[in-house]
Structures are given as C-alpha cells and as structure tokens.
Amino acid sequence: MKANMGSVDRMLRIVLAAVVAVLYFTQVISGMLGIVLMIVAGIFLLTSFIGFCPLYLPFGINTCKKKR
C-alpha cells in the first residue's frame, strides 16, 4: 500500500470524524443515521492514520505531495 493521502486530506478527515463523534455523543444525531455516520467516521480515522484510501485508486486520486 503506497500512501495516497496528503496531510491536509488526513487532517480534514480527522476533524470531520471528531465533529461526527461530538454530534453523536451529544445526541444531535441519533438512530440509524447516527450509526452510519459513526461507521463512516471510523473509516475516516482509519484511513487517515494509515495514509491510504482504497477509493482513491480507481479514480487515480493522489493528494500526496510529489517528490522531486
């Protein structure tokens, strides 16, 4: 697995996951929507920590800075 996520992309995913977690635990979002959003937030956290997003591969997206 070659990293395909840049630092801005990773930080954005962490912030979004934190926002979803806060909204879920303060019961602003709940029910099935809350569960689905928490699963997506968990995936965002996982992919941001490993620096690789499998959905970027088929689309050829790479947000890492190019090494010269």
PDB file of N, CA and C in Angstrom:
ATOM      1  N   MET A   1       0.837  -1.185   0.000  1.00  0.00           N
ATOM      2  CA  MET A   1       0.000   0.000   0.000  1.00  0.00           C
ATOM      3  C   MET A   1       0.877   1.242   0.000  1.00  0.00           C
ATOM      4  N   LYS A   2       0.801   1.963  -1.059  1.00  0.00           N
ATOM      5  CA  LYS A   2       1.539   3.203  -1.174  1.00  0.00           C
ATOM      6  C   LYS A   2       0.633   4.343  -0.719  1.00  0.00           C
ATOM      7  N   ALA A   3       1.150   5.208   0.124  1.00  0.00           N
ATOM      8  CA  ALA A   3       0.344   6.315   0.649  1.00  0.00           C
ATOM      9  C   ALA A   3      -0.175   7.182  -0.503  1.00  0.00           C
ATOM     10  N   ASN A   4      -1.461   7.516  -0.440  1.00  0.00           N
ATOM     11  CA  ASN A   4      -2.049   8.369  -1.470  1.00  0.00           C
ATOM     12  C   ASN A   4      -2.850   9.527  -0.870  1.00  0.00           C
ATOM     13  N   MET A   5      -2.593   9.823   0.406  1.00  0.00           N
ATOM     14  CA  MET A   5      -3.298  10.921   1.065  1.00  0.00           C
ATOM     15  C   MET A   5      -2.290  11.923   1.609  1.00  0.00           C
ATOM     16  N   GLY A   6      -2.520  13.194   1.309  1.00  0.00           N
ATOM     17  CA  GLY A   6      -1.667  14.253   1.815  1.00  0.00           C
ATOM     18  C   GLY A   6      -2.059  14.649   3.227  1.00  0.00           C
ATOM     19  N   SER A   7      -1.273  15.530   3.817  1.00  0.00           N
ATOM     20  CA  SER A   7      -1.510  15.921   5.213  1.00  0.00           C
ATOM     21  C   SER A   7      -2.801  16.711   5.379  1.00  0.00           C
ATOM     22  N   VAL A   8      -3.151  17.561   4.410  1.00  0.00           N
ATOM     23  CA  VAL A   8      -4.401  18.327   4.510  1.00  0.00           C
ATOM     24  C   VAL A   8      -5.600  17.394   4.455  1.00  0.00           C
ATOM     25  N   ASP A   9      -5.551  16.438   3.553  1.00  0.00           N
ATOM     26  CA  ASP A   9      -6.621  15.447   3.413  1.00  0.00           C
ATOM     27  C   ASP A   9      -6.789  14.655   4.707  1.00  0.00           C
ATOM     28  N   ARG A  10      -5.673  14.256   5.295  1.00  0.00           N
ATOM     29  CA  ARG A  10      -5.726  13.469   6.526  1.00  0.00           C
ATOM     30  C   ARG A  10      -6.304  14.279   7.684  1.00  0.00           C
ATOM     31  N   MET A  11      -5.875  15.527   7.823  1.00  0.00           N
ATOM     32  CA  MET A  11      -6.377  16.376   8.911  1.00  0.00           C
ATOM     33  C   MET A  11      -7.865  16.667   8.742  1.00  0.00           C
ATOM     34  N   LEU A  12      -8.303  16.888   7.507  1.00  0.00           N
ATOM     35  CA  LEU A  12      -9.721  17.120   7.250  1.00  0.00           C
ATOM     36  C   LEU A  12     -10.567  15.925   7.677  1.00  0.00           C
ATOM     37  N   ARG A  13     -10.088  14.726   7.386  1.00  0.00           N
ATOM     38  CA  ARG A  13     -10.818  13.524   7.775  1.00  0.00           C
ATOM     39  C   ARG A  13     -10.882  13.371   9.296  1.00  0.00           C
ATOM     40  N   ILE A  14      -9.801  13.696   9.978  1.00  0.00           N
ATOM     41  CA  ILE A  14      -9.791  13.604  11.439  1.00  0.00           C
ATOM     42  C   ILE A  14     -10.768  14.607  12.044  1.00  0.00           C
ATOM     43  N   VAL A  15     -10.778  15.829  11.516  1.00  0.00           N
ATOM     44  CA  VAL A  15     -11.690  16.858  12.030  1.00  0.00           C
ATOM     45  C   VAL A  15     -13.142  16.452  11.778  1.00  0.00           C
ATOM     46  N   LEU A  16     -13.438  15.950  10.586  1.00  0.00           N
ATOM     47  CA  LEU A  16     -14.808  15.514  10.284  1.00  0.00           C
ATOM     48  C   LEU A  16     -15.242  14.368  11.194  1.00  0.00           C
ATOM     49  N   ALA A  17     -14.350  13.432  11.440  1.00  0.00           N
ATOM     50  CA  ALA A  17     -14.675  12.318  12.327  1.00  0.00           C
ATOM     51  C   ALA A  17     -14.931  12.806  13.748  1.00  0.00           C
ATOM     52  N   ALA A  18     -14.152  13.782  14.202  1.00  0.00           N
ATOM     53  CA  ALA A  18     -14.354  14.339  15.542  1.00  0.00           C
ATOM     54  C   ALA A  18     -15.686  15.069  15.643  1.00  0.00           C
ATOM     55  N   VAL A  19     -16.049  15.813  14.611  1.00  0.00           N
ATOM     56  CA  VAL A  19     -17.331  16.528  14.606  1.00  0.00           C
ATOM     57  C   VAL A  19     -18.489  15.542  14.653  1.00  0.00           C
ATOM     58  N   VAL A  20     -18.408  14.496  13.862  1.00  0.00           N
ATOM     59  CA  VAL A  20     -19.473  13.490  13.860  1.00  0.00           C
ATOM     60  C   VAL A  20     -19.570  12.819  15.233  1.00  0.00           C
ATOM     61  N   ALA A  21     -18.430  12.518  15.846  1.00  0.00           N
ATOM     62  CA  ALA A  21     -18.442  11.881  17.163  1.00  0.00           C
ATOM     63  C   ALA A  21     -19.077  12.795  18.208  1.00  0.00           C
ATOM     64  N   VAL A  22     -18.733  14.071  18.178  1.00  0.00           N
ATOM     65  CA  VAL A  22     -19.321  15.018  19.132  1.00  0.00           C
ATOM     66  C   VAL A  22     -20.831  15.124  18.920  1.00  0.00           C
ATOM     67  N   LEU A  23     -21.261  15.213  17.673  1.00  0.00           N
ATOM     68  CA  LEU A  23     -22.700  15.302  17.388  1.00  0.00           C
ATOM     69  C   LEU A  23     -23.433  14.037  17.825  1.00  0.00           C
ATOM     70  N   TYR A  24     -22.779  12.888  17.660  1.00  0.00           N
ATOM     71  CA  TYR A  24     -23.411  11.629  18.052  1.00  0.00           C
ATOM     72  C   TYR A  24     -23.528  11.518  19.572  1.00  0.00           C
ATOM     73  N   PHE A  25     -22.456  11.832  20.280  1.00  0.00           N
ATOM     74  CA  PHE A  25     -22.460  11.653  21.726  1.00  0.00           C
ATOM     75  C   PHE A  25     -23.239  12.744  22.464  1.00  0.00           C
ATOM     76  N   THR A  26     -23.499  13.870  21.797  1.00  0.00           N
ATOM     77  CA  THR A  26     -24.380  14.884  22.383  1.00  0.00           C
ATOM     78  C   THR A  26     -25.821  14.676  21.921  1.00  0.00           C
ATOM     79  N   GLN A  27     -26.049  13.607  21.204  1.00  0.00           N
ATOM     80  CA  GLN A  27     -27.359  13.168  20.714  1.00  0.00           C
ATOM     81  C   GLN A  27     -28.027  14.178  19.782  1.00  0.00           C
ATOM     82  N   VAL A  28     -27.219  14.928  19.046  1.00  0.00           N
ATOM     83  CA  VAL A  28     -27.757  15.781  17.990  1.00  0.00           C
ATOM     84  C   VAL A  28     -28.169  14.903  16.816  1.00  0.00           C
ATOM     85  N   ILE A  29     -27.346  13.904  16.523  1.00  0.00           N
ATOM     86  CA  ILE A  29     -27.721  12.896  15.534  1.00  0.00           C
ATOM     87  C   ILE A  29     -27.857  11.572  16.268  1.00  0.00           C
ATOM     88  N   SER A  30     -28.858  10.806  15.883  1.00  0.00           N
ATOM     89  CA  SER A  30     -29.091   9.527  16.565  1.00  0.00           C
ATOM     90  C   SER A  30     -29.757   8.557  15.603  1.00  0.00           C
ATOM     91  N   GLY A  31     -30.059   7.408  16.096  1.00  0.00           N
ATOM     92  CA  GLY A  31     -30.735   6.393  15.297  1.00  0.00           C
ATOM     93  C   GLY A  31     -29.830   5.810  14.239  1.00  0.00           C
ATOM     94  N   MET A  32     -30.439   5.371  13.149  1.00  0.00           N
ATOM     95  CA  MET A  32     -29.706   4.728  12.065  1.00  0.00           C
ATOM     96  C   MET A  32     -28.727   5.706  11.407  1.00  0.00           C
ATOM     97  N   LEU A  33     -29.116   6.961  11.253  1.00  0.00           N
ATOM     98  CA  LEU A  33     -28.223   7.966  10.674  1.00  0.00           C
ATOM     99  C   LEU A  33     -26.975   8.129  11.536  1.00  0.00           C
ATOM    100  N   GLY A  34     -27.155   8.169  12.833  1.00  0.00           N
ATOM    101  CA  GLY A  34     -26.021   8.303  13.742  1.00  0.00           C
ATOM    102  C   GLY A  34     -25.074   7.135  13.652  1.00  0.00           C
ATOM    103  N   ILE A  35     -25.621   5.930  13.569  1.00  0.00           N
ATOM    104  CA  ILE A  35     -24.784   4.734  13.477  1.00  0.00           C
ATOM    105  C   ILE A  35     -24.001   4.723  12.168  1.00  0.00           C
ATOM    106  N   VAL A  36     -24.668   5.043  11.071  1.00  0.00           N
ATOM    107  CA  VAL A  36     -23.998   5.062   9.770  1.00  0.00           C
ATOM    108  C   VAL A  36     -22.901   6.122   9.750  1.00  0.00           C
ATOM    109  N   LEU A  37     -23.189   7.302  10.278  1.00  0.00           N
ATOM    110  CA  LEU A  37     -22.184   8.358  10.305  1.00  0.00           C
ATOM    111  C   LEU A  37     -21.007   8.007  11.212  1.00  0.00           C
ATOM    112  N   MET A  38     -21.255   7.301  12.304  1.00  0.00           N
ATOM    113  CA  MET A  38     -20.159   6.872  13.171  1.00  0.00           C
ATOM    114  C   MET A  38     -19.280   5.829  12.479  1.00  0.00           C
ATOM    115  N   ILE A  39     -19.880   4.949  11.686  1.00  0.00           N
ATOM    116  CA  ILE A  39     -19.098   3.973  10.924  1.00  0.00           C
ATOM    117  C   ILE A  39     -18.228   4.689   9.897  1.00  0.00           C
ATOM    118  N   VAL A  40     -18.808   5.658   9.190  1.00  0.00           N
ATOM    119  CA  VAL A  40     -18.044   6.441   8.209  1.00  0.00           C
ATOM    120  C   VAL A  40     -16.923   7.209   8.912  1.00  0.00           C
ATOM    121  N   ALA A  41     -17.205   7.769  10.081  1.00  0.00           N
ATOM    122  CA  ALA A  41     -16.182   8.489  10.842  1.00  0.00           C
ATOM    123  C   ALA A  41     -15.050   7.551  11.243  1.00  0.00           C
ATOM    124  N   GLY A  42     -15.382   6.328  11.627  1.00  0.00           N
ATOM    125  CA  GLY A  42     -14.355   5.342  11.958  1.00  0.00           C
ATOM    126  C   GLY A  42     -13.485   5.003  10.761  1.00  0.00           C
ATOM    127  N   ILE A  43     -14.100   4.879   9.599  1.00  0.00           N
ATOM    128  CA  ILE A  43     -13.344   4.615   8.376  1.00  0.00           C
ATOM    129  C   ILE A  43     -12.446   5.800   8.046  1.00  0.00           C
ATOM    130  N   PHE A  44     -12.963   7.021   8.224  1.00  0.00           N
ATOM    131  CA  PHE A  44     -12.153   8.218   8.001  1.00  0.00           C
ATOM    132  C   PHE A  44     -10.930   8.219   8.913  1.00  0.00           C
ATOM    133  N   LEU A  45     -11.123   7.868  10.187  1.00  0.00           N
ATOM    134  CA  LEU A  45      -9.999   7.836  11.122  1.00  0.00           C
ATOM    135  C   LEU A  45      -8.972   6.783  10.715  1.00  0.00           C
ATOM    136  N   LEU A  46      -9.453   5.609  10.377  1.00  0.00           N
ATOM    137  CA  LEU A  46      -8.555   4.518   9.994  1.00  0.00           C
ATOM    138  C   LEU A  46      -7.729   4.894   8.768  1.00  0.00           C
ATOM    139  N   THR A  47      -8.393   5.408   7.733  1.00  0.00           N
ATOM    140  CA  THR A  47      -7.667   5.754   6.511  1.00  0.00           C
ATOM    141  C   THR A  47      -6.728   6.932   6.726  1.00  0.00           C
ATOM    142  N   SER A  48      -7.092   7.852   7.612  1.00  0.00           N
ATOM    143  CA  SER A  48      -6.191   8.980   7.845  1.00  0.00           C
ATOM    144  C   SER A  48      -4.963   8.554   8.625  1.00  0.00           C
ATOM    145  N   PHE A  49      -5.084   7.585   9.514  1.00  0.00           N
ATOM    146  CA  PHE A  49      -3.917   7.122  10.268  1.00  0.00           C
ATOM    147  C   PHE A  49      -2.961   6.297   9.414  1.00  0.00           C
ATOM    148  N   ILE A  50      -3.491   5.525   8.469  1.00  0.00           N
ATOM    149  CA  ILE A  50      -2.598   4.730   7.618  1.00  0.00           C
ATOM    150  C   ILE A  50      -2.163   5.490   6.362  1.00  0.00           C
ATOM    151  N   GLY A  51      -2.856   6.586   6.028  1.00  0.00           N
ATOM    152  CA  GLY A  51      -2.462   7.414   4.893  1.00  0.00           C
ATOM    153  C   GLY A  51      -2.821   6.842   3.538  1.00  0.00           C
ATOM    154  N   PHE A  52      -3.744   5.915   3.516  1.00  0.00           N
ATOM    155  CA  PHE A  52      -4.125   5.248   2.270  1.00  0.00           C
ATOM    156  C   PHE A  52      -5.635   5.144   2.185  1.00  0.00           C
ATOM    157  N   CYS A  53      -6.203   5.575   1.072  1.00  0.00           N
ATOM    158  CA  CYS A  53      -7.642   5.466   0.845  1.00  0.00           C
ATOM    159  C   CYS A  53      -7.867   4.566  -0.377  1.00  0.00           C
ATOM    160  N   PRO A  54      -8.497   3.400  -0.179  1.00  0.00           N
ATOM    161  CA  PRO A  54      -8.710   2.485  -1.309  1.00  0.00           C
ATOM    162  C   PRO A  54      -9.632   3.052  -2.386  1.00  0.00           C
ATOM    163  N   LEU A  55     -10.521   3.967  -2.035  1.00  0.00           N
ATOM    164  CA  LEU A  55     -11.419   4.540  -3.036  1.00  0.00           C
ATOM    165  C   LEU A  55     -10.706   5.505  -3.977  1.00  0.00           C
ATOM    166  N   TYR A  56      -9.522   5.960  -3.601  1.00  0.00           N
ATOM    167  CA  TYR A  56      -8.762   6.846  -4.482  1.00  0.00           C
ATOM    168  C   TYR A  56      -8.151   6.087  -5.661  1.00  0.00           C
ATOM    169  N   LEU A  57      -7.888   4.790  -5.501  1.00  0.00           N
ATOM    170  CA  LEU A  57      -7.221   4.012  -6.549  1.00  0.00           C
ATOM    171  C   LEU A  57      -7.978   3.973  -7.872  1.00  0.00           C
ATOM    172  N   PRO A  58      -9.268   3.594  -7.895  1.00  0.00           N
ATOM    173  CA  PRO A  58      -9.947   3.509  -9.197  1.00  0.00           C
ATOM    174  C   PRO A  58     -10.073   4.854  -9.907  1.00  0.00           C
ATOM    175  N   PHE A  59     -10.062   5.936  -9.136  1.00  0.00           N
ATOM    176  CA  PHE A  59     -10.208   7.264  -9.729  1.00  0.00           C
ATOM    177  C   PHE A  59      -8.869   7.944  -9.995  1.00  0.00           C
ATOM    178  N   GLY A  60      -7.787   7.319  -9.571  1.00  0.00           N
ATOM    179  CA  GLY A  60      -6.461   7.864  -9.808  1.00  0.00           C
ATOM    180  C   GLY A  60      -6.150   9.111  -8.992  1.00  0.00           C
ATOM    181  N   ILE A  61      -6.783   9.252  -7.840  1.00  0.00           N
ATOM    182  CA  ILE A  61      -6.585  10.424  -6.994  1.00  0.00           C
ATOM    183  C   ILE A  61      -5.394  10.197  -6.090  1.00  0.00           C
ATOM    184  N   ASN A  62      -4.547  11.215  -5.984  1.00  0.00           N
ATOM    185  CA  ASN A  62      -3.396  11.165  -5.086  1.00  0.00           C
ATOM    186  C   ASN A  62      -3.183  12.568  -4.541  1.00  0.00           C
ATOM    187  N   THR A  63      -3.393  12.747  -3.243  1.00  0.00           N
ATOM    188  CA  THR A  63      -3.251  14.069  -2.657  1.00  0.00           C
ATOM    189  C   THR A  63      -1.902  14.256  -1.972  1.00  0.00           C
ATOM    190  N   CYS A  64      -1.002  13.283  -2.104  1.00  0.00           N
ATOM    191  CA  CYS A  64       0.352  13.417  -1.549  1.00  0.00           C
ATOM    192  C   CYS A  64       1.143  14.408  -2.399  1.00  0.00           C
ATOM    193  N   LYS A  65       2.078  15.079  -1.747  1.00  0.00           N
ATOM    194  CA  LYS A  65       2.969  15.962  -2.486  1.00  0.00           C
ATOM    195  C   LYS A  65       3.928  15.108  -3.297  1.00  0.00           C
ATOM    196  N   LYS A  66       4.204  15.555  -4.486  1.00  0.00           N
ATOM    197  CA  LYS A  66       5.131  14.833  -5.365  1.00  0.00           C
ATOM    198  C   LYS A  66       6.555  15.085  -4.916  1.00  0.00           C
ATOM    199  N   LYS A  67       7.369  14.024  -4.855  1.00  0.00           N
ATOM    200  CA  LYS A  67       8.787  14.158  -4.543  1.00  0.00           C
ATOM    201  C   LYS A  67       9.544  14.446  -5.839  1.00  0.00           C
ATOM    202  N   ARG A  68      10.443  15.408  -5.764  1.00  0.00           N
ATOM    203  CA  ARG A  68      11.200  15.769  -6.965  1.00  0.00           C
ATOM    204  C   ARG A  68      12.533  15.109  -6.989  1.00  0.00           C
TER     205      ARG A  68
END
